[in-house]
Amino acid sequence: MAEKHSVTGFDEFTEFIKNFKSDKIVNVLFTGEKADGKSWCPDCNEAEGFVNDAIEKYADNTVFVSVDVGNRETWKDLKNPFRTDKDTNLMVIPTLIRWKNPQRLEGDQLCKPELLQMFFTEED
């Protein structure tokens, strides 16, 4: 079973990553802020079930971090630090990355079980 964490905003994310120590693979999902269990981002809502299924099937002995990038207005700001930071470099949400590795799925790719399987089972 994956070790799961959830953080909100860029500052909390960078602090979490800086202080997190593990020899496990770290996968990070960037998604829109949730209210009442649903994100303002329809693509994020659509992808959530596919990602959760893939984590349950393929992400044993890994770390999974869900990151809330903020509300719609915050996300749409082109100076949003999630967009400008060289380690995250987000263009769309949802985005799933393998931290400090090239593996990355964006947008509707997260609704394709075969891509998620490859993402979680591919070696670094």
PDB file of N, CA and C in Angstrom:
ATOM      1  N   MET A   1       0.829  -1.182   0.000  1.00  0.00           N
ATOM      2  CA  MET A   1       0.000   0.000   0.000  1.00  0.00           C
ATOM      3  C   MET A   1       0.879   1.254   0.000  1.00  0.00           C
ATOM      4  N   ALA A   2       0.470   2.246  -0.785  1.00  0.00           N
ATOM      5  CA  ALA A   2       1.211   3.496  -0.857  1.00  0.00           C
ATOM      6  C   ALA A   2       1.043   4.296   0.431  1.00  0.00           C
ATOM      7  N   GLU A   3       2.094   4.971   0.813  1.00  0.00           N
ATOM      8  CA  GLU A   3       2.049   5.915   1.924  1.00  0.00           C
ATOM      9  C   GLU A   3       1.507   7.225   1.356  1.00  0.00           C
ATOM     10  N   LYS A   4       0.381   7.715   1.880  1.00  0.00           N
ATOM     11  CA  LYS A   4      -0.290   8.875   1.279  1.00  0.00           C
ATOM     12  C   LYS A   4      -0.157  10.121   2.152  1.00  0.00           C
ATOM     13  N   HIS A   5       0.043  11.258   1.459  1.00  0.00           N
ATOM     14  CA  HIS A   5       0.128  12.564   2.103  1.00  0.00           C
ATOM     15  C   HIS A   5      -0.673  13.552   1.269  1.00  0.00           C
ATOM     16  N   SER A   6      -1.117  14.604   1.916  1.00  0.00           N
ATOM     17  CA  SER A   6      -1.856  15.652   1.220  1.00  0.00           C
ATOM     18  C   SER A   6      -1.360  17.002   1.720  1.00  0.00           C
ATOM     19  N   VAL A   7      -1.059  17.904   0.776  1.00  0.00           N
ATOM     20  CA  VAL A   7      -0.593  19.243   1.141  1.00  0.00           C
ATOM     21  C   VAL A   7      -1.353  20.277   0.320  1.00  0.00           C
ATOM     22  N   THR A   8      -1.354  21.510   0.833  1.00  0.00           N
ATOM     23  CA  THR A   8      -2.079  22.592   0.190  1.00  0.00           C
ATOM     24  C   THR A   8      -1.136  23.756  -0.082  1.00  0.00           C
ATOM     25  N   GLY A   9      -1.066  24.170  -1.331  1.00  0.00           N
ATOM     26  CA  GLY A   9      -0.295  25.354  -1.695  1.00  0.00           C
ATOM     27  C   GLY A   9       1.181  25.078  -1.920  1.00  0.00           C
ATOM     28  N   PHE A  10       1.812  26.021  -2.594  1.00  0.00           N
ATOM     29  CA  PHE A  10       3.214  25.864  -2.982  1.00  0.00           C
ATOM     30  C   PHE A  10       4.152  25.848  -1.778  1.00  0.00           C
ATOM     31  N   ASP A  11       3.942  26.764  -0.839  1.00  0.00           N
ATOM     32  CA  ASP A  11       4.833  26.824   0.324  1.00  0.00           C
ATOM     33  C   ASP A  11       4.778  25.545   1.144  1.00  0.00           C
ATOM     34  N   GLU A  12       3.581  25.036   1.380  1.00  0.00           N
ATOM     35  CA  GLU A  12       3.440  23.795   2.153  1.00  0.00           C
ATOM     36  C   GLU A  12       4.061  22.622   1.381  1.00  0.00           C
ATOM     37  N   PHE A  13       3.884  22.605   0.057  1.00  0.00           N
ATOM     38  CA  PHE A  13       4.477  21.551  -0.754  1.00  0.00           C
ATOM     39  C   PHE A  13       6.001  21.585  -0.693  1.00  0.00           C
ATOM     40  N   THR A  14       6.598  22.756  -0.887  1.00  0.00           N
ATOM     41  CA  THR A  14       8.068  22.837  -0.882  1.00  0.00           C
ATOM     42  C   THR A  14       8.636  22.492   0.496  1.00  0.00           C
ATOM     43  N   GLU A  15       7.940  22.904   1.547  1.00  0.00           N
ATOM     44  CA  GLU A  15       8.390  22.566   2.903  1.00  0.00           C
ATOM     45  C   GLU A  15       8.293  21.055   3.133  1.00  0.00           C
ATOM     46  N   PHE A  16       7.193  20.455   2.683  1.00  0.00           N
ATOM     47  CA  PHE A  16       7.016  19.012   2.830  1.00  0.00           C
ATOM     48  C   PHE A  16       8.132  18.261   2.105  1.00  0.00           C
ATOM     49  N   ILE A  17       8.372  18.606   0.862  1.00  0.00           N
ATOM     50  CA  ILE A  17       9.387  17.916   0.052  1.00  0.00           C
ATOM     51  C   ILE A  17      10.783  18.105   0.643  1.00  0.00           C
ATOM     52  N   LYS A  18      11.072  19.305   1.105  1.00  0.00           N
ATOM     53  CA  LYS A  18      12.389  19.605   1.676  1.00  0.00           C
ATOM     54  C   LYS A  18      12.660  18.752   2.908  1.00  0.00           C
ATOM     55  N   ASN A  19      11.645  18.549   3.728  1.00  0.00           N
ATOM     56  CA  ASN A  19      11.816  17.836   4.993  1.00  0.00           C
ATOM     57  C   ASN A  19      11.493  16.353   4.928  1.00  0.00           C
ATOM     58  N   PHE A  20      10.944  15.901   3.804  1.00  0.00           N
ATOM     59  CA  PHE A  20      10.534  14.508   3.692  1.00  0.00           C
ATOM     60  C   PHE A  20      11.744  13.626   3.397  1.00  0.00           C
ATOM     61  N   LYS A  21      11.895  12.599   4.180  1.00  0.00           N
ATOM     62  CA  LYS A  21      13.016  11.665   4.014  1.00  0.00           C
ATOM     63  C   LYS A  21      12.466  10.264   3.817  1.00  0.00           C
ATOM     64  N   SER A  22      12.800   9.677   2.679  1.00  0.00           N
ATOM     65  CA  SER A  22      12.359   8.316   2.410  1.00  0.00           C
ATOM     66  C   SER A  22      13.205   7.759   1.274  1.00  0.00           C
ATOM     67  N   ASP A  23      13.397   6.468   1.300  1.00  0.00           N
ATOM     68  CA  ASP A  23      14.100   5.828   0.185  1.00  0.00           C
ATOM     69  C   ASP A  23      13.100   5.277  -0.829  1.00  0.00           C
ATOM     70  N   LYS A  24      11.814   5.570  -0.622  1.00  0.00           N
ATOM     71  CA  LYS A  24      10.773   5.100  -1.528  1.00  0.00           C
ATOM     72  C   LYS A  24      10.608   6.065  -2.706  1.00  0.00           C
ATOM     73  N   ILE A  25      10.020   5.562  -3.772  1.00  0.00           N
ATOM     74  CA  ILE A  25       9.657   6.388  -4.919  1.00  0.00           C
ATOM     75  C   ILE A  25       8.549   7.345  -4.484  1.00  0.00           C
ATOM     76  N   VAL A  26       8.674   8.622  -4.880  1.00  0.00           N
ATOM     77  CA  VAL A  26       7.690   9.633  -4.530  1.00  0.00           C
ATOM     78  C   VAL A  26       6.947  10.068  -5.790  1.00  0.00           C
ATOM     79  N   ASN A  27       5.631   9.866  -5.800  1.00  0.00           N
ATOM     80  CA  ASN A  27       4.767  10.295  -6.896  1.00  0.00           C
ATOM     81  C   ASN A  27       3.908  11.437  -6.389  1.00  0.00           C
ATOM     82  N   VAL A  28       3.756  12.481  -7.221  1.00  0.00           N
ATOM     83  CA  VAL A  28       3.054  13.684  -6.797  1.00  0.00           C
ATOM     84  C   VAL A  28       1.945  13.997  -7.796  1.00  0.00           C
ATOM     85  N   LEU A  29       0.724  14.156  -7.287  1.00  0.00           N
ATOM     86  CA  LEU A  29      -0.417  14.550  -8.106  1.00  0.00           C
ATOM     87  C   LEU A  29      -0.794  15.983  -7.763  1.00  0.00           C
ATOM     88  N   PHE A  30      -0.789  16.850  -8.759  1.00  0.00           N
ATOM     89  CA  PHE A  30      -1.189  18.243  -8.601  1.00  0.00           C
ATOM     90  C   PHE A  30      -2.621  18.383  -9.094  1.00  0.00           C
ATOM     91  N   THR A  31      -3.467  18.945  -8.245  1.00  0.00           N
ATOM     92  CA  THR A  31      -4.895  19.022  -8.545  1.00  0.00           C
ATOM     93  C   THR A  31      -5.478  20.320  -8.004  1.00  0.00           C
ATOM     94  N   GLY A  32      -6.666  20.660  -8.466  1.00  0.00           N
ATOM     95  CA  GLY A  32      -7.338  21.872  -8.023  1.00  0.00           C
ATOM     96  C   GLY A  32      -7.921  21.739  -6.627  1.00  0.00           C
ATOM     97  N   GLU A  33      -8.038  22.880  -5.969  1.00  0.00           N
ATOM     98  CA  GLU A  33      -8.600  22.951  -4.628  1.00  0.00           C
ATOM     99  C   GLU A  33      -9.975  22.282  -4.581  1.00  0.00           C
ATOM    100  N   LYS A  34     -10.224  21.581  -3.480  1.00  0.00           N
ATOM    101  CA  LYS A  34     -11.510  20.892  -3.304  1.00  0.00           C
ATOM    102  C   LYS A  34     -12.390  21.626  -2.305  1.00  0.00           C
ATOM    103  N   ALA A  35     -13.663  21.598  -2.608  1.00  0.00           N
ATOM    104  CA  ALA A  35     -14.680  22.078  -1.667  1.00  0.00           C
ATOM    105  C   ALA A  35     -15.791  21.035  -1.684  1.00  0.00           C
ATOM    106  N   ASP A  36     -16.196  20.591  -0.529  1.00  0.00           N
ATOM    107  CA  ASP A  36     -17.234  19.558  -0.430  1.00  0.00           C
ATOM    108  C   ASP A  36     -16.856  18.288  -1.185  1.00  0.00           C
ATOM    109  N   GLY A  37     -15.567  17.941  -1.182  1.00  0.00           N
ATOM    110  CA  GLY A  37     -15.116  16.701  -1.799  1.00  0.00           C
ATOM    111  C   GLY A  37     -14.896  16.743  -3.298  1.00  0.00           C
ATOM    112  N   LYS A  38     -15.192  17.867  -3.935  1.00  0.00           N
ATOM    113  CA  LYS A  38     -15.017  17.998  -5.386  1.00  0.00           C
ATOM    114  C   LYS A  38     -14.115  19.183  -5.686  1.00  0.00           C
ATOM    115  N   SER A  39     -13.261  19.011  -6.676  1.00  0.00           N
ATOM    116  CA  SER A  39     -12.398  20.096  -7.137  1.00  0.00           C
ATOM    117  C   SER A  39     -13.175  21.017  -8.069  1.00  0.00           C
ATOM    118  N   TRP A  40     -12.764  22.263  -8.133  1.00  0.00           N
ATOM    119  CA  TRP A  40     -13.333  23.193  -9.119  1.00  0.00           C
ATOM    120  C   TRP A  40     -12.914  22.787 -10.531  1.00  0.00           C
ATOM    121  N   CYS A  41     -11.903  21.940 -10.637  1.00  0.00           N
ATOM    122  CA  CYS A  41     -11.332  21.509 -11.921  1.00  0.00           C
ATOM    123  C   CYS A  41     -12.024  20.219 -12.381  1.00  0.00           C
ATOM    124  N   PRO A  42     -12.855  20.278 -13.434  1.00  0.00           N
ATOM    125  CA  PRO A  42     -13.556  19.070 -13.872  1.00  0.00           C
ATOM    126  C   PRO A  42     -12.617  17.955 -14.339  1.00  0.00           C
ATOM    127  N   ASP A  43     -11.491  18.309 -14.949  1.00  0.00           N
ATOM    128  CA  ASP A  43     -10.527  17.292 -15.379  1.00  0.00           C
ATOM    129  C   ASP A  43      -9.919  16.557 -14.179  1.00  0.00           C
ATOM    130  N   CYS A  44      -9.697  17.296 -13.099  1.00  0.00           N
ATOM    131  CA  CYS A  44      -9.165  16.683 -11.878  1.00  0.00           C
ATOM    132  C   CYS A  44     -10.165  15.695 -11.300  1.00  0.00           C
ATOM    133  N   ASN A  45     -11.430  16.084 -11.281  1.00  0.00           N
ATOM    134  CA  ASN A  45     -12.476  15.197 -10.776  1.00  0.00           C
ATOM    135  C   ASN A  45     -12.574  13.935 -11.623  1.00  0.00           C
ATOM    136  N   GLU A  46     -12.490  14.080 -12.925  1.00  0.00           N
ATOM    137  CA  GLU A  46     -12.584  12.929 -13.821  1.00  0.00           C
ATOM    138  C   GLU A  46     -11.407  11.974 -13.616  1.00  0.00           C
ATOM    139  N   ALA A  47     -10.226  12.512 -13.428  1.00  0.00           N
ATOM    140  CA  ALA A  47      -9.023  11.686 -13.297  1.00  0.00           C
ATOM    141  C   ALA A  47      -8.895  11.009 -11.940  1.00  0.00           C
ATOM    142  N   GLU A  48      -9.512  11.563 -10.912  1.00  0.00           N
ATOM    143  CA  GLU A  48      -9.308  11.090  -9.544  1.00  0.00           C
ATOM    144  C   GLU A  48      -9.547   9.583  -9.385  1.00  0.00           C
ATOM    145  N   GLY A  49     -10.635   9.069  -9.910  1.00  0.00           N
ATOM    146  CA  GLY A  49     -10.935   7.639  -9.773  1.00  0.00           C
ATOM    147  C   GLY A  49      -9.909   6.765 -10.471  1.00  0.00           C
ATOM    148  N   PHE A  50      -9.478   7.166 -11.654  1.00  0.00           N
ATOM    149  CA  PHE A  50      -8.471   6.405 -12.393  1.00  0.00           C
ATOM    150  C   PHE A  50      -7.145   6.371 -11.628  1.00  0.00           C
ATOM    151  N   VAL A  51      -6.751   7.519 -11.100  1.00  0.00           N
ATOM    152  CA  VAL A  51      -5.485   7.593 -10.357  1.00  0.00           C
ATOM    153  C   VAL A  51      -5.576   6.753  -9.089  1.00  0.00           C
ATOM    154  N   ASN A  52      -6.676   6.866  -8.349  1.00  0.00           N
ATOM    155  CA  ASN A  52      -6.824   6.082  -7.119  1.00  0.00           C
ATOM    156  C   ASN A  52      -6.793   4.586  -7.397  1.00  0.00           C
ATOM    157  N   ASP A  53      -7.453   4.142  -8.473  1.00  0.00           N
ATOM    158  CA  ASP A  53      -7.417   2.721  -8.847  1.00  0.00           C
ATOM    159  C   ASP A  53      -5.993   2.275  -9.144  1.00  0.00           C
ATOM    160  N   ALA A  54      -5.261   3.090  -9.896  1.00  0.00           N
ATOM    161  CA  ALA A  54      -3.887   2.736 -10.259  1.00  0.00           C
ATOM    162  C   ALA A  54      -2.982   2.696  -9.035  1.00  0.00           C
ATOM    163  N   ILE A  55      -3.177   3.601  -8.109  1.00  0.00           N
ATOM    164  CA  ILE A  55      -2.373   3.594  -6.877  1.00  0.00           C
ATOM    165  C   ILE A  55      -2.608   2.295  -6.119  1.00  0.00           C
ATOM    166  N   GLU A  56      -3.864   1.907  -5.998  1.00  0.00           N
ATOM    167  CA  GLU A  56      -4.192   0.670  -5.284  1.00  0.00           C
ATOM    168  C   GLU A  56      -3.581  -0.556  -5.969  1.00  0.00           C
ATOM    169  N   LYS A  57      -3.558  -0.570  -7.286  1.00  0.00           N
ATOM    170  CA  LYS A  57      -3.062  -1.732  -8.025  1.00  0.00           C
ATOM    171  C   LYS A  57      -1.543  -1.773  -8.157  1.00  0.00           C
ATOM    172  N   TYR A  58      -0.909  -0.620  -8.349  1.00  0.00           N
ATOM    173  CA  TYR A  58       0.488  -0.620  -8.803  1.00  0.00           C
ATOM    174  C   TYR A  58       1.472   0.149  -7.923  1.00  0.00           C
ATOM    175  N   ALA A  59       1.012   0.870  -6.933  1.00  0.00           N
ATOM    176  CA  ALA A  59       1.920   1.780  -6.228  1.00  0.00           C
ATOM    177  C   ALA A  59       2.347   1.291  -4.850  1.00  0.00           C
ATOM    178  N   ASP A  60       2.424  -0.025  -4.665  1.00  0.00           N
ATOM    179  CA  ASP A  60       2.909  -0.556  -3.394  1.00  0.00           C
ATOM    180  C   ASP A  60       4.310  -0.034  -3.102  1.00  0.00           C
ATOM    181  N   ASN A  61       4.565   0.176  -1.827  1.00  0.00           N
ATOM    182  CA  ASN A  61       5.887   0.584  -1.358  1.00  0.00           C
ATOM    183  C   ASN A  61       6.367   1.886  -2.002  1.00  0.00           C
ATOM    184  N   THR A  62       5.440   2.796  -2.257  1.00  0.00           N
ATOM    185  CA  THR A  62       5.774   4.118  -2.767  1.00  0.00           C
ATOM    186  C   THR A  62       5.128   5.170  -1.869  1.00  0.00           C
ATOM    187  N   VAL A  63       5.458   6.415  -2.143  1.00  0.00           N
ATOM    188  CA  VAL A  63       4.848   7.545  -1.458  1.00  0.00           C
ATOM    189  C   VAL A  63       4.004   8.289  -2.487  1.00  0.00           C
ATOM    190  N   PHE A  64       2.782   8.639  -2.106  1.00  0.00           N
ATOM    191  CA  PHE A  64       1.896   9.389  -2.988  1.00  0.00           C
ATOM    192  C   PHE A  64       1.517  10.685  -2.285  1.00  0.00           C
ATOM    193  N   VAL A  65       1.804  11.800  -2.943  1.00  0.00           N
ATOM    194  CA  VAL A  65       1.505  13.110  -2.380  1.00  0.00           C
ATOM    195  C   VAL A  65       0.491  13.807  -3.275  1.00  0.00           C
ATOM    196  N   SER A  66      -0.643  14.166  -2.703  1.00  0.00           N
ATOM    197  CA  SER A  66      -1.655  14.938  -3.419  1.00  0.00           C
ATOM    198  C   SER A  66      -1.464  16.398  -3.041  1.00  0.00           C
ATOM    199  N   VAL A  67      -1.323  17.253  -4.068  1.00  0.00           N
ATOM    200  CA  VAL A  67      -1.038  18.667  -3.838  1.00  0.00           C
ATOM    201  C   VAL A  67      -2.162  19.529  -4.400  1.00  0.00           C
ATOM    202  N   ASP A  68      -2.763  20.318  -3.545  1.00  0.00           N
ATOM    203  CA  ASP A  68      -3.804  21.273  -3.905  1.00  0.00           C
ATOM    204  C   ASP A  68      -3.096  22.538  -4.391  1.00  0.00           C
ATOM    205  N   VAL A  69      -3.268  22.880  -5.680  1.00  0.00           N
ATOM    206  CA  VAL A  69      -2.593  24.044  -6.254  1.00  0.00           C
ATOM    207  C   VAL A  69      -3.362  25.337  -6.018  1.00  0.00           C
ATOM    208  N   GLY A  70      -4.527  25.253  -5.406  1.00  0.00           N
ATOM    209  CA  GLY A  70      -5.293  26.454  -5.095  1.00  0.00           C
ATOM    210  C   GLY A  70      -6.598  26.525  -5.854  1.00  0.00           C
ATOM    211  N   ASN A  71      -7.290  27.644  -5.664  1.00  0.00           N
ATOM    212  CA  ASN A  71      -8.559  27.849  -6.348  1.00  0.00           C
ATOM    213  C   ASN A  71      -8.303  28.209  -7.817  1.00  0.00           C
ATOM    214  N   ARG A  72      -9.364  28.339  -8.579  1.00  0.00           N
ATOM    215  CA  ARG A  72      -9.249  28.591 -10.015  1.00  0.00           C
ATOM    216  C   ARG A  72      -8.450  29.866 -10.308  1.00  0.00           C
ATOM    217  N   GLU A  73      -8.758  30.937  -9.600  1.00  0.00           N
ATOM    218  CA  GLU A  73      -8.069  32.210  -9.826  1.00  0.00           C
ATOM    219  C   GLU A  73      -6.572  32.084  -9.551  1.00  0.00           C
ATOM    220  N   THR A  74      -6.214  31.420  -8.465  1.00  0.00           N
ATOM    221  CA  THR A  74      -4.799  31.219  -8.120  1.00  0.00           C
ATOM    222  C   THR A  74      -4.100  30.403  -9.194  1.00  0.00           C
ATOM    223  N   TRP A  75      -4.733  29.315  -9.635  1.00  0.00           N
ATOM    224  CA  TRP A  75      -4.135  28.455 -10.653  1.00  0.00           C
ATOM    225  C   TRP A  75      -3.966  29.184 -11.981  1.00  0.00           C
ATOM    226  N   LYS A  76      -4.932  29.976 -12.385  1.00  0.00           N
ATOM    227  CA  LYS A  76      -4.902  30.643 -13.691  1.00  0.00           C
ATOM    228  C   LYS A  76      -3.858  31.753 -13.771  1.00  0.00           C
ATOM    229  N   ASP A  77      -3.349  32.212 -12.646  1.00  0.00           N
ATOM    230  CA  ASP A  77      -2.300  33.232 -12.632  1.00  0.00           C
ATOM    231  C   ASP A  77      -1.032  32.658 -13.262  1.00  0.00           C
ATOM    232  N   LEU A  78      -0.557  33.250 -14.344  1.00  0.00           N
ATOM    233  CA  LEU A  78       0.621  32.732 -15.049  1.00  0.00           C
ATOM    234  C   LEU A  78       1.883  32.808 -14.207  1.00  0.00           C
ATOM    235  N   LYS A  79       1.854  33.576 -13.122  1.00  0.00           N
ATOM    236  CA  LYS A  79       3.006  33.661 -12.215  1.00  0.00           C
ATOM    237  C   LYS A  79       2.869  32.700 -11.038  1.00  0.00           C
ATOM    238  N   ASN A  80       1.863  31.839 -11.091  1.00  0.00           N
ATOM    239  CA  ASN A  80       1.676  30.840 -10.049  1.00  0.00           C
ATOM    240  C   ASN A  80       2.988  30.059  -9.895  1.00  0.00           C
ATOM    241  N   PRO A  81       3.504  29.920  -8.675  1.00  0.00           N
ATOM    242  CA  PRO A  81       4.795  29.253  -8.501  1.00  0.00           C
ATOM    243  C   PRO A  81       4.824  27.799  -8.976  1.00  0.00           C
ATOM    244  N   PHE A  82       3.682  27.113  -8.976  1.00  0.00           N
ATOM    245  CA  PHE A  82       3.671  25.758  -9.520  1.00  0.00           C
ATOM    246  C   PHE A  82       3.982  25.772 -11.016  1.00  0.00           C
ATOM    247  N   ARG A  83       3.619  26.850 -11.690  1.00  0.00           N
ATOM    248  CA  ARG A  83       3.900  26.984 -13.122  1.00  0.00           C
ATOM    249  C   ARG A  83       5.354  27.379 -13.377  1.00  0.00           C
ATOM    250  N   THR A  84       5.915  28.229 -12.516  1.00  0.00           N
ATOM    251  CA  THR A  84       7.237  28.800 -12.765  1.00  0.00           C
ATOM    252  C   THR A  84       8.394  28.036 -12.137  1.00  0.00           C
ATOM    253  N   ASP A  85       8.127  27.230 -11.145  1.00  0.00           N
ATOM    254  CA  ASP A  85       9.193  26.476 -10.471  1.00  0.00           C
ATOM    255  C   ASP A  85       9.772  25.415 -11.401  1.00  0.00           C
ATOM    256  N   LYS A  86      11.092  25.331 -11.454  1.00  0.00           N
ATOM    257  CA  LYS A  86      11.748  24.379 -12.378  1.00  0.00           C
ATOM    258  C   LYS A  86      11.490  22.923 -12.013  1.00  0.00           C
ATOM    259  N   ASP A  87      11.171  22.633 -10.769  1.00  0.00           N
ATOM    260  CA  ASP A  87      10.922  21.245 -10.359  1.00  0.00           C
ATOM    261  C   ASP A  87       9.496  20.788 -10.637  1.00  0.00           C
ATOM    262  N   THR A  88       8.546  21.724 -10.644  1.00  0.00           N
ATOM    263  CA  THR A  88       7.163  21.345 -10.913  1.00  0.00           C
ATOM    264  C   THR A  88       6.780  21.674 -12.358  1.00  0.00           C
ATOM    265  N   ASN A  89       7.058  22.888 -12.808  1.00  0.00           N
ATOM    266  CA  ASN A  89       6.847  23.317 -14.191  1.00  0.00           C
ATOM    267  C   ASN A  89       5.493  22.864 -14.752  1.00  0.00           C
ATOM    268  N   LEU A  90       4.432  23.167 -14.022  1.00  0.00           N
ATOM    269  CA  LEU A  90       3.101  22.718 -14.429  1.00  0.00           C
ATOM    270  C   LEU A  90       2.525  23.586 -15.535  1.00  0.00           C
ATOM    271  N   MET A  91       1.912  22.943 -16.490  1.00  0.00           N
ATOM    272  CA  MET A  91       1.204  23.633 -17.563  1.00  0.00           C
ATOM    273  C   MET A  91      -0.295  23.395 -17.440  1.00  0.00           C
ATOM    274  N   VAL A  92      -0.683  22.214 -16.946  1.00  0.00           N
ATOM    275  CA  VAL A  92      -2.086  21.839 -16.785  1.00  0.00           C
ATOM    276  C   VAL A  92      -2.253  21.083 -15.472  1.00  0.00           C
ATOM    277  N   ILE A  93      -3.489  21.071 -14.999  1.00  0.00           N
ATOM    278  CA  ILE A  93      -3.847  20.155 -13.922  1.00  0.00           C
ATOM    279  C   ILE A  93      -5.023  19.336 -14.418  1.00  0.00           C
ATOM    280  N   PRO A  94      -5.097  18.114 -14.027  1.00  0.00           N
ATOM    281  CA  PRO A  94      -4.197  17.411 -13.128  1.00  0.00           C
ATOM    282  C   PRO A  94      -2.881  17.043 -13.828  1.00  0.00           C
ATOM    283  N   THR A  95      -1.833  16.964 -13.037  1.00  0.00           N
ATOM    284  CA  THR A  95      -0.542  16.466 -13.498  1.00  0.00           C
ATOM    285  C   THR A  95       0.002  15.522 -12.439  1.00  0.00           C
ATOM    286  N   LEU A  96       0.507  14.389 -12.886  1.00  0.00           N
ATOM    287  CA  LEU A  96       1.121  13.387 -12.018  1.00  0.00           C
ATOM    288  C   LEU A  96       2.588  13.273 -12.411  1.00  0.00           C
ATOM    289  N   ILE A  97       3.481  13.455 -11.435  1.00  0.00           N
ATOM    290  CA  ILE A  97       4.913  13.347 -11.727  1.00  0.00           C
ATOM    291  C   ILE A  97       5.582  12.385 -10.763  1.00  0.00           C
ATOM    292  N   ARG A  98       6.668  11.810 -11.214  1.00  0.00           N
ATOM    293  CA  ARG A  98       7.583  11.073 -10.340  1.00  0.00           C
ATOM    294  C   ARG A  98       8.621  12.098  -9.918  1.00  0.00           C
ATOM    295  N   TRP A  99       8.675  12.390  -8.627  1.00  0.00           N
ATOM    296  CA  TRP A  99       9.520  13.463  -8.127  1.00  0.00           C
ATOM    297  C   TRP A  99      10.985  13.233  -8.486  1.00  0.00           C
ATOM    298  N   LYS A 100      11.562  14.270  -9.097  1.00  0.00           N
ATOM    299  CA  LYS A 100      12.978  14.299  -9.509  1.00  0.00           C
ATOM    300  C   LYS A 100      13.305  13.240 -10.558  1.00  0.00           C
ATOM    301  N   ASN A 101      12.311  12.858 -11.347  1.00  0.00           N
ATOM    302  CA  ASN A 101      12.484  11.906 -12.442  1.00  0.00           C
ATOM    303  C   ASN A 101      11.647  12.392 -13.623  1.00  0.00           C
ATOM    304  N   PRO A 102      11.881  11.853 -14.804  1.00  0.00           N
ATOM    305  CA  PRO A 102      11.165  12.358 -15.991  1.00  0.00           C
ATOM    306  C   PRO A 102       9.725  11.876 -16.158  1.00  0.00           C
ATOM    307  N   GLN A 103       9.300  10.850 -15.420  1.00  0.00           N
ATOM    308  CA  GLN A 103       7.953  10.330 -15.600  1.00  0.00           C
ATOM    309  C   GLN A 103       6.920  11.419 -15.292  1.00  0.00           C
ATOM    310  N   ARG A 104       5.950  11.573 -16.234  1.00  0.00           N
ATOM    311  CA  ARG A 104       4.953  12.632 -16.099  1.00  0.00           C
ATOM    312  C   ARG A 104       3.732  12.287 -16.947  1.00  0.00           C
ATOM    313  N   LEU A 105       2.547  12.454 -16.352  1.00  0.00           N
ATOM    314  CA  LEU A 105       1.288  12.344 -17.080  1.00  0.00           C
ATOM    315  C   LEU A 105       0.504  13.623 -16.807  1.00  0.00           C
ATOM    316  N   GLU A 106      -0.156  14.129 -17.867  1.00  0.00           N
ATOM    317  CA  GLU A 106      -0.884  15.387 -17.735  1.00  0.00           C
ATOM    318  C   GLU A 106      -2.289  15.263 -18.305  1.00  0.00           C
ATOM    319  N   GLY A 107      -3.213  16.019 -17.704  1.00  0.00           N
ATOM    320  CA  GLY A 107      -4.563  16.148 -18.240  1.00  0.00           C
ATOM    321  C   GLY A 107      -5.257  14.824 -18.449  1.00  0.00           C
ATOM    322  N   ASP A 108      -5.790  14.625 -19.676  1.00  0.00           N
ATOM    323  CA  ASP A 108      -6.581  13.421 -19.953  1.00  0.00           C
ATOM    324  C   ASP A 108      -5.756  12.137 -19.995  1.00  0.00           C
ATOM    325  N   GLN A 109      -4.427  12.249 -19.990  1.00  0.00           N
ATOM    326  CA  GLN A 109      -3.588  11.045 -19.890  1.00  0.00           C
ATOM    327  C   GLN A 109      -3.872  10.305 -18.585  1.00  0.00           C
ATOM    328  N   LEU A 110      -4.317  11.038 -17.566  1.00  0.00           N
ATOM    329  CA  LEU A 110      -4.601  10.440 -16.267  1.00  0.00           C
ATOM    330  C   LEU A 110      -5.893   9.636 -16.254  1.00  0.00           C
ATOM    331  N   CYS A 111      -6.621   9.655 -17.347  1.00  0.00           N
ATOM    332  CA  CYS A 111      -7.855   8.862 -17.470  1.00  0.00           C
ATOM    333  C   CYS A 111      -7.631   7.621 -18.313  1.00  0.00           C
ATOM    334  N   LYS A 112      -6.377   7.292 -18.574  1.00  0.00           N
ATOM    335  CA  LYS A 112      -6.037   6.127 -19.390  1.00  0.00           C
ATOM    336  C   LYS A 112      -5.316   5.097 -18.516  1.00  0.00           C
ATOM    337  N   PRO A 113      -6.043   4.045 -18.124  1.00  0.00           N
ATOM    338  CA  PRO A 113      -5.467   3.051 -17.214  1.00  0.00           C
ATOM    339  C   PRO A 113      -4.136   2.479 -17.692  1.00  0.00           C
ATOM    340  N   GLU A 114      -3.980   2.267 -19.000  1.00  0.00           N
ATOM    341  CA  GLU A 114      -2.723   1.692 -19.498  1.00  0.00           C
ATOM    342  C   GLU A 114      -1.543   2.642 -19.290  1.00  0.00           C
ATOM    343  N   LEU A 115      -1.760   3.953 -19.405  1.00  0.00           N
ATOM    344  CA  LEU A 115      -0.684   4.918 -19.150  1.00  0.00           C
ATOM    345  C   LEU A 115      -0.352   4.991 -17.670  1.00  0.00           C
ATOM    346  N   LEU A 116      -1.376   4.923 -16.831  1.00  0.00           N
ATOM    347  CA  LEU A 116      -1.137   4.927 -15.387  1.00  0.00           C
ATOM    348  C   LEU A 116      -0.378   3.675 -14.958  1.00  0.00           C
ATOM    349  N   GLN A 117      -0.730   2.537 -15.532  1.00  0.00           N
ATOM    350  CA  GLN A 117      -0.004   1.312 -15.207  1.00  0.00           C
ATOM    351  C   GLN A 117       1.474   1.458 -15.581  1.00  0.00           C
ATOM    352  N   MET A 118       1.737   1.966 -16.775  1.00  0.00           N
ATOM    353  CA  MET A 118       3.133   2.169 -17.192  1.00  0.00           C
ATOM    354  C   MET A 118       3.843   3.157 -16.269  1.00  0.00           C
ATOM    355  N   PHE A 119       3.150   4.231 -15.908  1.00  0.00           N
ATOM    356  CA  PHE A 119       3.745   5.237 -15.032  1.00  0.00           C
ATOM    357  C   PHE A 119       4.189   4.618 -13.708  1.00  0.00           C
ATOM    358  N   PHE A 120       3.293   3.867 -13.074  1.00  0.00           N
ATOM    359  CA  PHE A 120       3.597   3.324 -11.750  1.00  0.00           C
ATOM    360  C   PHE A 120       4.502   2.111 -11.764  1.00  0.00           C
ATOM    361  N   THR A 121       4.597   1.396 -12.870  1.00  0.00           N
ATOM    362  CA  THR A 121       5.421   0.188 -12.902  1.00  0.00           C
ATOM    363  C   THR A 121       6.764   0.403 -13.575  1.00  0.00           C
ATOM    364  N   GLU A 122       6.942   1.537 -14.246  1.00  0.00           N
ATOM    365  CA  GLU A 122       8.211   1.833 -14.918  1.00  0.00           C
ATOM    366  C   GLU A 122       9.288   2.103 -13.900  1.00  0.00           C
ATOM    367  N   GLU A 123      10.449   1.523 -14.134  1.00  0.00           N
ATOM    368  CA  GLU A 123      11.599   1.763 -13.252  1.00  0.00           C
ATOM    369  C   GLU A 123      12.193   3.133 -13.533  1.00  0.00           C
ATOM    370  N   ASP A 124      12.809   3.717 -12.508  1.00  0.00           N
ATOM    371  CA  ASP A 124      13.487   5.017 -12.688  1.00  0.00           C
ATOM    372  C   ASP A 124      14.670   4.906 -13.598  1.00  0.00           C
TER     373      ASP A 124
END
